[in-house]
């Protein structure tokens, strides 16, 4: 099993319910692709180190989430990455493979 950590930032212009729904949907993507989610940590709204421009909007803060997971292969990671790049609700994401 491979261990991964995914950090993603949800844009702050969404309502609290939409933010939770977005985070849950990305967690579901991982679970549907045979990844075992170990821990989900919601850090809340944080100020970004620098402004991020995505589309026509510029963001100075965002809602941070960290998901720890394990998976037999990288299918779940690739699907998460693909959908995160397409999503207009995520500002940034980072996927790290952790060593045991």
C-alpha atoms as a PDB file:
ATOM      1  CA  UNK A   1       0.000   0.000   0.000  1.00  0.00           C
ATOM      2  CA  UNK A   2       1.141   3.509  -0.828  1.00  0.00           C
ATOM      3  CA  UNK A   3       0.474   6.399   1.544  1.00  0.00           C
ATOM      4  CA  UNK A   4      -0.472   9.822   0.239  1.00  0.00           C
ATOM      5  CA  UNK A   5      -1.332  13.223   1.626  1.00  0.00           C
ATOM      6  CA  UNK A   6      -3.473  15.609  -0.385  1.00  0.00           C
ATOM      7  CA  UNK A   7      -3.887  19.262   0.508  1.00  0.00           C
ATOM      8  CA  UNK A   8      -6.409  21.356  -1.363  1.00  0.00           C
ATOM      9  CA  UNK A   9      -7.811  24.866  -1.032  1.00  0.00           C
ATOM     10  CA  UNK A  10     -11.486  25.581  -1.656  1.00  0.00           C
ATOM     11  CA  UNK A  11     -12.356  29.084  -2.821  1.00  0.00           C
ATOM     12  CA  UNK A  12     -13.770  31.331  -0.065  1.00  0.00           C
ATOM     13  CA  UNK A  13     -16.650  32.749  -2.121  1.00  0.00           C
ATOM     14  CA  UNK A  14     -18.727  29.589  -1.625  1.00  0.00           C
ATOM     15  CA  UNK A  15     -21.219  29.212   1.212  1.00  0.00           C
ATOM     16  CA  UNK A  16     -20.247  27.062   4.212  1.00  0.00           C
ATOM     17  CA  UNK A  17     -22.530  24.279   2.982  1.00  0.00           C
ATOM     18  CA  UNK A  18     -21.025  24.371  -0.538  1.00  0.00           C
ATOM     19  CA  UNK A  19     -17.499  24.247   0.898  1.00  0.00           C
ATOM     20  CA  UNK A  20     -18.301  21.121   2.934  1.00  0.00           C
ATOM     21  CA  UNK A  21     -20.072  19.573  -0.057  1.00  0.00           C
ATOM     22  CA  UNK A  22     -17.030  20.217  -2.289  1.00  0.00           C
ATOM     23  CA  UNK A  23     -14.640  18.653   0.239  1.00  0.00           C
ATOM     24  CA  UNK A  24     -16.933  15.640   0.663  1.00  0.00           C
ATOM     25  CA  UNK A  25     -17.231  15.144  -3.096  1.00  0.00           C
ATOM     26  CA  UNK A  26     -13.433  15.053  -3.517  1.00  0.00           C
ATOM     27  CA  UNK A  27     -13.162  12.594  -0.634  1.00  0.00           C
ATOM     28  CA  UNK A  28     -15.810  10.452  -2.360  1.00  0.00           C
ATOM     29  CA  UNK A  29     -13.766  10.505  -5.601  1.00  0.00           C
ATOM     30  CA  UNK A  30     -10.881   8.894  -3.713  1.00  0.00           C
ATOM     31  CA  UNK A  31     -13.095   6.296  -2.030  1.00  0.00           C
ATOM     32  CA  UNK A  32     -14.824   5.397  -5.307  1.00  0.00           C
ATOM     33  CA  UNK A  33     -11.406   4.646  -6.829  1.00  0.00           C
ATOM     34  CA  UNK A  34     -10.437   2.148  -4.107  1.00  0.00           C
ATOM     35  CA  UNK A  35      -8.417   4.461  -1.873  1.00  0.00           C
ATOM     36  CA  UNK A  36      -8.781   4.146   1.888  1.00  0.00           C
ATOM     37  CA  UNK A  37      -9.180   7.564   3.523  1.00  0.00           C
ATOM     38  CA  UNK A  38      -7.394   7.518   6.872  1.00  0.00           C
ATOM     39  CA  UNK A  39      -7.977  11.087   8.041  1.00  0.00           C
ATOM     40  CA  UNK A  40      -9.616  14.288   6.823  1.00  0.00           C
ATOM     41  CA  UNK A  41      -8.464  17.479   8.509  1.00  0.00           C
ATOM     42  CA  UNK A  42     -10.308  20.757   7.887  1.00  0.00           C
ATOM     43  CA  UNK A  43      -7.987  23.640   8.742  1.00  0.00           C
ATOM     44  CA  UNK A  44     -10.600  26.307   8.086  1.00  0.00           C
ATOM     45  CA  UNK A  45     -10.119  29.620   6.318  1.00  0.00           C
ATOM     46  CA  UNK A  46      -6.532  30.848   6.076  1.00  0.00           C
ATOM     47  CA  UNK A  47      -4.901  33.816   4.379  1.00  0.00           C
ATOM     48  CA  UNK A  48      -2.824  32.771   1.376  1.00  0.00           C
ATOM     49  CA  UNK A  49       0.890  33.617   1.221  1.00  0.00           C
ATOM     50  CA  UNK A  50       0.214  35.425  -2.071  1.00  0.00           C
ATOM     51  CA  UNK A  51      -2.803  36.259  -4.184  1.00  0.00           C
ATOM     52  CA  UNK A  52      -3.901  33.515  -6.550  1.00  0.00           C
ATOM     53  CA  UNK A  53      -5.703  34.364  -9.763  1.00  0.00           C
ATOM     54  CA  UNK A  54      -7.965  31.677 -11.189  1.00  0.00           C
ATOM     55  CA  UNK A  55     -10.176  32.568 -14.099  1.00  0.00           C
ATOM     56  CA  UNK A  56     -11.480  36.103 -13.644  1.00  0.00           C
ATOM     57  CA  UNK A  57     -11.190  36.039  -9.848  1.00  0.00           C
ATOM     58  CA  UNK A  58      -8.326  36.769  -7.465  1.00  0.00           C
ATOM     59  CA  UNK A  59      -8.207  35.077  -4.061  1.00  0.00           C
ATOM     60  CA  UNK A  60      -6.454  36.251  -0.886  1.00  0.00           C
ATOM     61  CA  UNK A  61      -7.748  33.418   1.333  1.00  0.00           C
ATOM     62  CA  UNK A  62      -9.206  29.945   1.075  1.00  0.00           C
ATOM     63  CA  UNK A  63     -10.487  26.960   3.041  1.00  0.00           C
ATOM     64  CA  UNK A  64      -7.756  24.370   3.566  1.00  0.00           C
ATOM     65  CA  UNK A  65      -8.315  20.608   3.730  1.00  0.00           C
ATOM     66  CA  UNK A  66      -5.782  17.807   4.204  1.00  0.00           C
ATOM     67  CA  UNK A  67      -6.640  14.190   3.409  1.00  0.00           C
ATOM     68  CA  UNK A  68      -4.402  11.283   4.394  1.00  0.00           C
ATOM     69  CA  UNK A  69      -5.024   8.092   2.458  1.00  0.00           C
ATOM     70  CA  UNK A  70      -3.575   4.818   1.303  1.00  0.00           C
ATOM     71  CA  UNK A  71      -4.039   3.125  -2.021  1.00  0.00           C
ATOM     72  CA  UNK A  72      -2.763   0.029  -3.837  1.00  0.00           C
ATOM     73  CA  UNK A  73      -2.160   1.959  -7.050  1.00  0.00           C
ATOM     74  CA  UNK A  74      -2.298   5.544  -8.306  1.00  0.00           C
ATOM     75  CA  UNK A  75      -5.720   5.310  -9.978  1.00  0.00           C
ATOM     76  CA  UNK A  76      -7.458   7.332  -7.232  1.00  0.00           C
ATOM     77  CA  UNK A  77      -4.682   9.931  -7.182  1.00  0.00           C
ATOM     78  CA  UNK A  78      -4.784  10.420 -10.947  1.00  0.00           C
ATOM     79  CA  UNK A  79      -8.580  10.802 -10.924  1.00  0.00           C
ATOM     80  CA  UNK A  80      -8.429  13.286  -8.023  1.00  0.00           C
ATOM     81  CA  UNK A  81      -5.751  15.299  -9.837  1.00  0.00           C
ATOM     82  CA  UNK A  82      -7.707  15.303 -13.106  1.00  0.00           C
ATOM     83  CA  UNK A  83     -10.935  16.492 -11.481  1.00  0.00           C
ATOM     84  CA  UNK A  84      -9.173  19.017  -9.232  1.00  0.00           C
ATOM     85  CA  UNK A  85      -7.621  20.676 -12.278  1.00  0.00           C
ATOM     86  CA  UNK A  86     -11.051  20.927 -13.930  1.00  0.00           C
ATOM     87  CA  UNK A  87     -12.956  22.087 -10.833  1.00  0.00           C
ATOM     88  CA  UNK A  88     -13.768  25.764 -10.531  1.00  0.00           C
ATOM     89  CA  UNK A  89     -14.284  25.333  -6.753  1.00  0.00           C
ATOM     90  CA  UNK A  90     -10.650  24.514  -5.942  1.00  0.00           C
ATOM     91  CA  UNK A  91      -7.966  27.194  -5.998  1.00  0.00           C
ATOM     92  CA  UNK A  92      -4.963  24.859  -5.602  1.00  0.00           C
ATOM     93  CA  UNK A  93      -4.127  21.277  -4.675  1.00  0.00           C
ATOM     94  CA  UNK A  94      -0.977  19.360  -3.809  1.00  0.00           C
ATOM     95  CA  UNK A  95      -0.474  15.584  -3.751  1.00  0.00           C
ATOM     96  CA  UNK A  96       2.435  14.096  -1.811  1.00  0.00           C
ATOM     97  CA  UNK A  97       3.451  10.442  -1.673  1.00  0.00           C
ATOM     98  CA  UNK A  98       4.596   9.724   1.874  1.00  0.00           C
ATOM     99  CA  UNK A  99       7.378   7.300   2.671  1.00  0.00           C
ATOM    100  CA  UNK A 100       6.744   4.687   5.341  1.00  0.00           C
END
